[in-house]
N, C-alpha and C. Protein backbone atom coordinates (compact mmCIF):
# COMPACT_ATOMS: atom_id res chain seq x y z
N UNK A 1 -13.79 6.77 -53.94
CA UNK A 1 -12.54 7.24 -53.42
C UNK A 1 -12.64 7.45 -51.91
N UNK A 2 -13.74 7.96 -51.44
CA UNK A 2 -13.90 8.22 -50.02
C UNK A 2 -13.95 6.93 -49.23
N UNK A 3 -14.44 5.82 -49.88
CA UNK A 3 -14.46 4.54 -49.20
C UNK A 3 -13.04 4.06 -48.95
N UNK A 4 -12.16 4.21 -49.95
CA UNK A 4 -10.77 3.81 -49.81
C UNK A 4 -10.08 4.66 -48.73
N UNK A 5 -10.36 5.94 -48.73
CA UNK A 5 -9.77 6.84 -47.74
C UNK A 5 -10.24 6.47 -46.34
N UNK A 6 -11.51 6.15 -46.21
CA UNK A 6 -12.07 5.74 -44.93
C UNK A 6 -11.41 4.45 -44.43
N UNK A 7 -11.29 3.44 -45.31
CA UNK A 7 -10.66 2.17 -44.94
C UNK A 7 -9.18 2.38 -44.59
N UNK A 8 -8.49 3.22 -45.32
CA UNK A 8 -7.08 3.51 -45.03
C UNK A 8 -6.95 4.14 -43.65
N UNK A 9 -7.88 5.02 -43.33
CA UNK A 9 -7.87 5.67 -42.01
C UNK A 9 -8.08 4.66 -40.90
N UNK A 10 -9.02 3.71 -41.11
CA UNK A 10 -9.27 2.66 -40.12
C UNK A 10 -8.04 1.78 -39.93
N UNK A 11 -7.38 1.42 -41.03
CA UNK A 11 -6.17 0.59 -40.93
C UNK A 11 -5.09 1.35 -40.17
N UNK A 12 -4.94 2.62 -40.46
CA UNK A 12 -3.93 3.45 -39.78
C UNK A 12 -4.22 3.54 -38.28
N UNK A 13 -5.47 3.73 -37.92
CA UNK A 13 -5.86 3.79 -36.50
C UNK A 13 -5.60 2.46 -35.82
N UNK A 14 -5.92 1.35 -36.49
CA UNK A 14 -5.70 0.02 -35.92
C UNK A 14 -4.21 -0.21 -35.69
N UNK A 15 -3.37 0.19 -36.66
CA UNK A 15 -1.92 0.03 -36.50
C UNK A 15 -1.41 0.87 -35.33
N UNK A 16 -1.91 2.08 -35.21
CA UNK A 16 -1.50 2.97 -34.12
C UNK A 16 -1.86 2.38 -32.77
N UNK A 17 -3.07 1.82 -32.67
CA UNK A 17 -3.50 1.18 -31.43
C UNK A 17 -2.64 -0.04 -31.11
N UNK A 18 -2.27 -0.82 -32.12
CA UNK A 18 -1.44 -2.01 -31.90
C UNK A 18 -0.05 -1.61 -31.42
N UNK A 19 0.53 -0.59 -32.02
CA UNK A 19 1.86 -0.12 -31.62
C UNK A 19 1.81 0.42 -30.19
N UNK A 20 0.78 1.15 -29.85
CA UNK A 20 0.62 1.69 -28.49
C UNK A 20 0.50 0.56 -27.48
N UNK A 21 -0.27 -0.46 -27.81
CA UNK A 21 -0.45 -1.59 -26.90
C UNK A 21 0.87 -2.33 -26.70
N UNK A 22 1.63 -2.52 -27.78
CA UNK A 22 2.93 -3.18 -27.66
C UNK A 22 3.89 -2.35 -26.82
N UNK A 23 3.89 -1.05 -27.03
CA UNK A 23 4.80 -0.18 -26.29
C UNK A 23 4.48 -0.18 -24.80
N UNK A 24 3.21 -0.29 -24.45
CA UNK A 24 2.85 -0.28 -23.04
C UNK A 24 3.25 -1.57 -22.34
N UNK A 25 3.46 -2.66 -23.11
CA UNK A 25 3.91 -3.92 -22.53
C UNK A 25 5.41 -3.91 -22.22
N UNK A 26 6.15 -2.99 -22.82
CA UNK A 26 7.58 -2.92 -22.60
C UNK A 26 7.86 -2.38 -21.20
N UNK A 27 8.89 -2.93 -20.54
CA UNK A 27 9.21 -2.40 -19.21
C UNK A 27 9.68 -0.95 -19.32
N UNK A 28 9.23 -0.14 -18.39
CA UNK A 28 9.59 1.27 -18.40
C UNK A 28 10.87 1.44 -17.60
N UNK A 29 11.79 2.17 -18.15
CA UNK A 29 13.03 2.44 -17.44
C UNK A 29 12.97 3.86 -16.92
N UNK A 30 13.59 4.06 -15.80
CA UNK A 30 13.62 5.41 -15.25
C UNK A 30 15.06 5.75 -14.92
N UNK A 31 15.39 6.99 -15.14
CA UNK A 31 16.72 7.48 -14.82
C UNK A 31 16.67 8.15 -13.46
N UNK A 32 17.62 7.84 -12.59
CA UNK A 32 17.65 8.55 -11.31
C UNK A 32 18.04 10.01 -11.54
N UNK A 33 17.38 10.88 -10.85
CA UNK A 33 17.68 12.31 -10.97
C UNK A 33 18.92 12.64 -10.17
N UNK A 34 19.73 13.54 -10.69
CA UNK A 34 20.96 13.94 -10.01
C UNK A 34 20.68 14.75 -8.75
N UNK A 35 19.52 15.38 -8.67
CA UNK A 35 19.23 16.24 -7.53
C UNK A 35 18.24 15.61 -6.55
N UNK A 36 18.13 14.30 -6.56
CA UNK A 36 17.25 13.62 -5.62
C UNK A 36 17.91 13.56 -4.25
N UNK A 37 17.17 13.89 -3.23
CA UNK A 37 17.68 13.81 -1.86
C UNK A 37 16.98 12.68 -1.13
N UNK A 38 17.69 12.12 -0.16
CA UNK A 38 17.12 11.08 0.68
C UNK A 38 17.37 11.46 2.13
N UNK A 39 16.49 10.98 3.00
CA UNK A 39 16.67 11.18 4.43
C UNK A 39 16.82 9.80 5.05
N UNK A 40 17.99 9.57 5.60
CA UNK A 40 18.27 8.29 6.25
C UNK A 40 17.49 8.22 7.57
N UNK A 41 17.30 7.03 8.09
CA UNK A 41 16.64 6.86 9.38
C UNK A 41 17.35 7.57 10.51
N UNK A 42 18.66 7.82 10.34
CA UNK A 42 19.43 8.51 11.38
C UNK A 42 19.24 10.03 11.30
N UNK A 43 18.57 10.49 10.23
CA UNK A 43 18.33 11.93 10.08
C UNK A 43 19.22 12.61 9.08
N UNK A 44 20.23 11.93 8.58
CA UNK A 44 21.16 12.50 7.61
C UNK A 44 20.45 12.73 6.28
N UNK A 45 20.60 13.94 5.71
CA UNK A 45 20.06 14.25 4.39
C UNK A 45 21.23 14.13 3.42
N UNK A 46 21.05 13.34 2.36
CA UNK A 46 22.15 13.11 1.43
C UNK A 46 21.61 12.82 0.04
N UNK A 47 22.52 12.86 -0.94
CA UNK A 47 22.18 12.54 -2.31
C UNK A 47 22.63 11.11 -2.60
N UNK A 48 21.69 10.20 -2.86
CA UNK A 48 22.07 8.82 -3.16
C UNK A 48 22.92 8.75 -4.43
N UNK A 49 23.83 7.79 -4.46
CA UNK A 49 24.63 7.57 -5.66
C UNK A 49 24.70 6.08 -5.93
N UNK A 50 25.57 5.68 -6.84
CA UNK A 50 25.63 4.26 -7.22
C UNK A 50 26.09 3.35 -6.08
N UNK A 51 26.69 3.89 -5.03
CA UNK A 51 27.14 3.09 -3.90
C UNK A 51 26.11 3.03 -2.77
N UNK A 52 25.03 3.77 -2.89
CA UNK A 52 24.01 3.82 -1.84
C UNK A 52 23.36 2.45 -1.66
N UNK A 53 23.22 2.05 -0.42
CA UNK A 53 22.56 0.79 -0.09
C UNK A 53 21.14 1.09 0.40
N UNK A 54 20.22 0.21 0.09
CA UNK A 54 18.81 0.41 0.41
C UNK A 54 18.27 -0.74 1.25
N UNK A 55 17.26 -0.42 2.04
CA UNK A 55 16.50 -1.43 2.78
C UNK A 55 15.08 -1.36 2.25
N UNK A 56 14.51 -2.51 1.93
CA UNK A 56 13.13 -2.56 1.42
C UNK A 56 12.19 -2.98 2.53
N UNK A 57 11.06 -2.27 2.58
CA UNK A 57 10.03 -2.62 3.55
C UNK A 57 8.68 -2.18 3.02
N UNK A 58 7.72 -3.05 3.03
CA UNK A 58 6.35 -2.75 2.63
C UNK A 58 6.27 -2.15 1.22
N UNK A 59 7.09 -2.66 0.31
CA UNK A 59 7.06 -2.20 -1.07
C UNK A 59 7.79 -0.90 -1.34
N UNK A 60 8.48 -0.37 -0.35
CA UNK A 60 9.23 0.87 -0.54
C UNK A 60 10.71 0.62 -0.26
N UNK A 61 11.56 1.38 -0.94
CA UNK A 61 13.00 1.31 -0.70
C UNK A 61 13.43 2.53 0.09
N UNK A 62 14.22 2.31 1.13
CA UNK A 62 14.73 3.37 1.98
C UNK A 62 16.24 3.44 1.85
N UNK A 63 16.76 4.60 1.47
CA UNK A 63 18.19 4.78 1.26
C UNK A 63 18.89 4.95 2.60
N UNK A 64 20.06 4.34 2.71
CA UNK A 64 20.88 4.45 3.92
C UNK A 64 22.11 5.28 3.59
N UNK A 65 22.47 6.20 4.49
CA UNK A 65 23.56 7.13 4.20
C UNK A 65 24.94 6.48 4.26
N UNK A 66 25.11 5.44 5.04
CA UNK A 66 26.39 4.75 5.16
C UNK A 66 26.16 3.25 5.22
N UNK A 67 27.24 2.50 5.06
CA UNK A 67 27.16 1.05 5.17
C UNK A 67 26.75 0.66 6.60
N UNK A 68 27.25 1.39 7.59
CA UNK A 68 26.91 1.10 8.99
C UNK A 68 25.41 1.29 9.23
N UNK A 69 24.84 2.37 8.69
CA UNK A 69 23.39 2.58 8.82
C UNK A 69 22.63 1.46 8.13
N UNK A 70 23.12 1.03 6.98
CA UNK A 70 22.46 -0.05 6.25
C UNK A 70 22.47 -1.34 7.06
N UNK A 71 23.61 -1.64 7.68
CA UNK A 71 23.69 -2.86 8.50
C UNK A 71 22.69 -2.83 9.65
N UNK A 72 22.59 -1.67 10.31
CA UNK A 72 21.64 -1.53 11.41
C UNK A 72 20.20 -1.65 10.90
N UNK A 73 19.92 -0.98 9.77
CA UNK A 73 18.57 -0.98 9.22
C UNK A 73 18.15 -2.37 8.75
N UNK A 74 19.09 -3.13 8.20
CA UNK A 74 18.78 -4.47 7.70
C UNK A 74 18.34 -5.41 8.82
N UNK A 75 18.77 -5.13 10.06
CA UNK A 75 18.38 -5.96 11.20
C UNK A 75 16.91 -5.78 11.56
N UNK A 76 16.37 -4.56 11.31
CA UNK A 76 14.98 -4.27 11.65
C UNK A 76 14.39 -3.30 10.61
N UNK A 77 14.04 -3.81 9.42
CA UNK A 77 13.53 -2.94 8.36
C UNK A 77 12.30 -2.12 8.75
N UNK A 78 11.43 -2.68 9.58
CA UNK A 78 10.21 -1.95 9.98
C UNK A 78 10.58 -0.70 10.77
N UNK A 79 11.49 -0.82 11.70
CA UNK A 79 11.93 0.34 12.48
C UNK A 79 12.67 1.33 11.61
N UNK A 80 13.48 0.82 10.69
CA UNK A 80 14.19 1.69 9.75
C UNK A 80 13.20 2.52 8.94
N UNK A 81 12.17 1.86 8.41
CA UNK A 81 11.16 2.56 7.60
C UNK A 81 10.46 3.62 8.43
N UNK A 82 10.08 3.26 9.65
CA UNK A 82 9.37 4.20 10.53
C UNK A 82 10.25 5.41 10.84
N UNK A 83 11.51 5.16 11.18
CA UNK A 83 12.42 6.28 11.51
C UNK A 83 12.66 7.14 10.28
N UNK A 84 12.82 6.52 9.12
CA UNK A 84 13.05 7.28 7.90
C UNK A 84 11.85 8.15 7.57
N UNK A 85 10.65 7.60 7.72
CA UNK A 85 9.43 8.38 7.47
C UNK A 85 9.32 9.56 8.45
N UNK A 86 9.63 9.31 9.73
CA UNK A 86 9.56 10.37 10.74
C UNK A 86 10.59 11.46 10.46
N UNK A 87 11.80 11.06 10.13
CA UNK A 87 12.85 12.05 9.86
C UNK A 87 12.54 12.84 8.59
N UNK A 88 11.98 12.18 7.59
CA UNK A 88 11.60 12.87 6.36
C UNK A 88 10.51 13.91 6.66
N UNK A 89 9.52 13.52 7.45
CA UNK A 89 8.44 14.46 7.82
C UNK A 89 9.01 15.64 8.59
N UNK A 90 9.94 15.38 9.49
CA UNK A 90 10.54 16.46 10.27
C UNK A 90 11.32 17.42 9.36
N UNK A 91 12.13 16.89 8.46
CA UNK A 91 12.90 17.73 7.54
C UNK A 91 11.98 18.52 6.62
N UNK A 92 10.90 17.89 6.15
CA UNK A 92 9.97 18.59 5.28
C UNK A 92 9.25 19.71 6.03
N UNK A 93 8.94 19.49 7.29
CA UNK A 93 8.30 20.53 8.09
C UNK A 93 9.24 21.72 8.25
N UNK A 94 10.51 21.46 8.41
CA UNK A 94 11.49 22.55 8.51
C UNK A 94 11.55 23.32 7.20
N UNK A 95 11.55 22.60 6.08
CA UNK A 95 11.61 23.26 4.78
C UNK A 95 10.34 24.02 4.46
N UNK A 96 9.22 23.58 5.00
CA UNK A 96 7.94 24.25 4.76
C UNK A 96 8.01 25.71 5.20
N UNK A 97 8.70 25.98 6.30
CA UNK A 97 8.81 27.36 6.78
C UNK A 97 9.56 28.23 5.79
N UNK A 98 10.56 27.67 5.15
CA UNK A 98 11.30 28.42 4.13
C UNK A 98 10.39 28.67 2.94
N UNK A 99 9.63 27.65 2.54
CA UNK A 99 8.73 27.77 1.40
C UNK A 99 7.65 28.83 1.66
N UNK A 100 7.23 28.96 2.88
CA UNK A 100 6.20 29.94 3.21
C UNK A 100 6.74 31.37 3.21
N UNK A 101 8.04 31.52 3.00
CA UNK A 101 8.70 32.83 3.04
C UNK A 101 8.52 33.47 4.41
N UNK A 102 8.81 32.71 5.46
CA UNK A 102 8.74 33.24 6.81
C UNK A 102 9.94 34.16 6.99
N UNK A 103 9.65 35.44 7.13
CA UNK A 103 10.70 36.45 7.10
C UNK A 103 11.54 36.50 8.37
N UNK A 104 11.05 36.00 9.48
CA UNK A 104 11.77 36.14 10.74
C UNK A 104 12.40 34.85 11.24
N UNK A 105 12.69 33.91 10.31
CA UNK A 105 13.41 32.69 10.67
C UNK A 105 14.87 33.05 10.85
N UNK A 106 15.45 32.60 11.96
CA UNK A 106 16.86 32.89 12.23
C UNK A 106 17.76 31.70 12.00
N UNK A 107 17.23 30.48 12.12
CA UNK A 107 18.04 29.28 11.91
C UNK A 107 17.14 28.07 11.69
N UNK A 108 17.64 27.15 10.86
CA UNK A 108 16.98 25.86 10.66
C UNK A 108 18.01 24.81 11.02
N UNK A 109 17.76 24.09 12.10
CA UNK A 109 18.70 23.08 12.58
C UNK A 109 17.97 21.76 12.78
N UNK A 110 18.73 20.75 13.18
CA UNK A 110 18.10 19.46 13.45
C UNK A 110 17.17 19.53 14.65
N UNK A 111 17.31 20.57 15.47
CA UNK A 111 16.44 20.75 16.64
C UNK A 111 15.17 21.53 16.31
N UNK A 112 15.06 22.04 15.09
CA UNK A 112 13.87 22.76 14.71
C UNK A 112 14.18 24.08 14.02
N UNK A 113 13.12 24.79 13.66
CA UNK A 113 13.23 26.08 12.99
C UNK A 113 13.08 27.17 14.03
N UNK A 114 14.10 28.02 14.16
CA UNK A 114 14.10 29.09 15.15
C UNK A 114 13.65 30.38 14.48
N UNK A 115 12.94 31.19 15.24
CA UNK A 115 12.47 32.48 14.74
C UNK A 115 12.61 33.53 15.84
N UNK A 116 12.58 34.78 15.42
CA UNK A 116 12.67 35.91 16.35
C UNK A 116 11.37 36.70 16.21
N UNK A 117 10.58 36.73 17.27
CA UNK A 117 9.29 37.41 17.25
C UNK A 117 9.50 38.93 17.29
N UNK A 118 8.49 39.66 16.89
CA UNK A 118 8.54 41.12 16.94
C UNK A 118 8.68 41.66 18.35
N UNK A 119 8.31 40.85 19.34
CA UNK A 119 8.43 41.27 20.74
C UNK A 119 9.85 41.07 21.26
N UNK A 120 10.70 40.39 20.47
CA UNK A 120 12.08 40.16 20.88
C UNK A 120 12.38 38.76 21.37
N UNK A 121 11.36 37.94 21.52
CA UNK A 121 11.57 36.58 22.03
C UNK A 121 11.99 35.64 20.90
N UNK A 122 13.05 34.84 21.18
CA UNK A 122 13.43 33.79 20.25
C UNK A 122 12.66 32.53 20.62
N UNK A 123 12.19 31.78 19.60
CA UNK A 123 11.39 30.58 19.87
C UNK A 123 11.53 29.59 18.72
N UNK A 124 11.06 28.39 18.96
CA UNK A 124 11.07 27.34 17.94
C UNK A 124 9.67 27.23 17.35
N UNK A 125 9.60 27.32 16.03
CA UNK A 125 8.32 27.21 15.32
C UNK A 125 7.81 25.78 15.45
N UNK A 126 6.53 25.64 15.74
CA UNK A 126 5.92 24.31 15.81
C UNK A 126 4.52 24.38 15.19
N UNK A 127 3.76 23.31 15.35
CA UNK A 127 2.44 23.24 14.71
C UNK A 127 1.43 24.22 15.30
N UNK A 128 1.72 24.81 16.46
CA UNK A 128 0.79 25.78 17.06
C UNK A 128 1.13 27.22 16.69
N UNK A 129 2.25 27.42 16.01
CA UNK A 129 2.68 28.77 15.65
C UNK A 129 1.66 29.44 14.73
N UNK A 130 1.35 30.69 15.05
CA UNK A 130 0.45 31.49 14.22
C UNK A 130 1.30 32.50 13.45
N UNK A 131 0.83 32.86 12.25
CA UNK A 131 1.60 33.73 11.37
C UNK A 131 0.83 35.00 11.02
N UNK A 132 1.56 36.11 10.98
CA UNK A 132 1.03 37.37 10.49
C UNK A 132 1.38 37.44 9.01
N UNK A 133 0.39 37.66 8.16
CA UNK A 133 0.61 37.78 6.73
C UNK A 133 0.59 39.25 6.37
N UNK A 134 1.65 39.70 5.67
CA UNK A 134 1.69 41.11 5.27
C UNK A 134 2.55 41.24 4.02
N UNK A 135 1.97 41.78 2.95
CA UNK A 135 2.64 42.05 1.68
C UNK A 135 3.41 40.83 1.16
N UNK A 136 2.75 39.68 1.16
CA UNK A 136 3.33 38.47 0.59
C UNK A 136 4.33 37.73 1.46
N UNK A 137 4.53 38.18 2.67
CA UNK A 137 5.45 37.50 3.57
C UNK A 137 4.71 37.04 4.82
N UNK A 138 5.29 36.04 5.45
CA UNK A 138 4.74 35.52 6.70
C UNK A 138 5.72 35.84 7.82
N UNK A 139 5.17 36.17 8.98
CA UNK A 139 5.97 36.44 10.17
C UNK A 139 5.44 35.55 11.28
N UNK A 140 6.31 34.69 11.81
CA UNK A 140 5.92 33.78 12.87
C UNK A 140 5.82 34.54 14.19
N UNK A 141 4.75 34.30 14.90
CA UNK A 141 4.54 34.94 16.21
C UNK A 141 4.77 33.90 17.30
N UNK A 142 5.41 34.33 18.40
CA UNK A 142 5.80 33.38 19.45
C UNK A 142 4.61 32.83 20.24
N UNK A 143 3.55 33.61 20.37
CA UNK A 143 2.37 33.16 21.12
C UNK A 143 1.10 33.65 20.43
N UNK A 144 -0.02 33.13 20.86
CA UNK A 144 -1.31 33.57 20.35
C UNK A 144 -1.52 35.06 20.68
N UNK A 145 -1.10 35.45 21.88
CA UNK A 145 -1.26 36.85 22.30
C UNK A 145 -0.44 37.79 21.41
N UNK A 146 0.78 37.40 21.09
CA UNK A 146 1.60 38.22 20.19
C UNK A 146 0.95 38.32 18.81
N UNK A 147 0.39 37.22 18.35
CA UNK A 147 -0.27 37.23 17.05
C UNK A 147 -1.47 38.18 17.06
N UNK A 148 -2.26 38.15 18.13
CA UNK A 148 -3.41 39.05 18.24
C UNK A 148 -2.98 40.51 18.22
N UNK A 149 -1.90 40.81 18.96
CA UNK A 149 -1.38 42.20 18.99
C UNK A 149 -0.89 42.61 17.61
N UNK A 150 -0.14 41.73 16.95
CA UNK A 150 0.42 42.04 15.63
C UNK A 150 -0.68 42.25 14.60
N UNK A 151 -1.75 41.47 14.70
CA UNK A 151 -2.85 41.56 13.74
C UNK A 151 -3.60 42.90 13.83
N UNK A 152 -3.50 43.57 14.97
CA UNK A 152 -4.16 44.87 15.13
C UNK A 152 -3.49 45.94 14.30
N UNK A 153 -2.17 45.83 14.09
CA UNK A 153 -1.40 46.82 13.32
C UNK A 153 -0.33 46.09 12.51
N UNK A 154 -0.73 45.43 11.41
CA UNK A 154 0.24 44.63 10.66
C UNK A 154 1.46 45.41 10.18
N UNK A 155 1.27 46.60 9.64
CA UNK A 155 2.41 47.38 9.13
C UNK A 155 3.36 47.75 10.27
N UNK A 156 2.83 48.17 11.39
CA UNK A 156 3.67 48.51 12.54
C UNK A 156 4.36 47.27 13.10
N UNK A 157 3.66 46.17 13.11
CA UNK A 157 4.23 44.92 13.61
C UNK A 157 5.38 44.45 12.72
N UNK A 158 5.21 44.60 11.42
CA UNK A 158 6.28 44.21 10.50
C UNK A 158 7.53 45.03 10.78
N UNK A 159 7.35 46.31 11.06
CA UNK A 159 8.51 47.15 11.42
C UNK A 159 9.18 46.63 12.67
N UNK A 160 8.40 46.16 13.65
CA UNK A 160 8.97 45.60 14.88
C UNK A 160 9.74 44.32 14.57
N UNK A 161 9.19 43.47 13.71
CA UNK A 161 9.90 42.25 13.31
C UNK A 161 11.22 42.62 12.64
N UNK A 162 11.17 43.57 11.70
CA UNK A 162 12.36 43.97 10.97
C UNK A 162 13.41 44.58 11.91
N UNK A 163 12.97 45.37 12.88
CA UNK A 163 13.89 45.97 13.83
C UNK A 163 14.58 44.89 14.66
N UNK A 164 13.82 43.91 15.14
CA UNK A 164 14.40 42.82 15.92
C UNK A 164 15.43 42.04 15.09
N UNK A 165 15.12 41.77 13.83
CA UNK A 165 16.02 41.03 12.96
C UNK A 165 17.29 41.84 12.71
N UNK A 166 17.16 43.15 12.49
CA UNK A 166 18.33 44.01 12.25
C UNK A 166 19.22 44.07 13.48
N UNK A 167 18.64 44.16 14.65
CA UNK A 167 19.42 44.22 15.89
C UNK A 167 20.14 42.91 16.15
N UNK A 168 19.58 41.81 15.67
CA UNK A 168 20.20 40.51 15.88
C UNK A 168 21.48 40.39 15.04
N UNK A 169 21.49 41.02 13.90
CA UNK A 169 22.66 40.94 13.01
C UNK A 169 23.67 41.91 13.47
């Protein structure tokens, strides 16, 4: 009886492997997500839809926000791809500050992420910006010197950041 059970198990495993192999040969379909965002080479952030036109370059598809952008991009796909990649990186860098829970951000615009330092200076956050970490939040400091001062008394510095933000409103 155990021999029959063993052989039945082998046949079942072989059938399962055959079905899996056949299924993997089938083309995979993907559904576009309703909340997918695209960044056009011009910098526009938008949600692609069934009317969105794309430019292909180097195996990637780049969404164009308007027909006019598509026409321009189609003339020079390499430049379109480069601009789209640069604009996407810029937009993602702006969003990164929000993700970090930077408490003293005052505005996120196409010109950059603005913050208000505890010393009262308004500035644009960039790759050299240093952050004070306190109780799960980040506070952007306008200069290295401000960061050094804030790090000496984090709790007091946070109060200064909060005071500056309250006065701004």
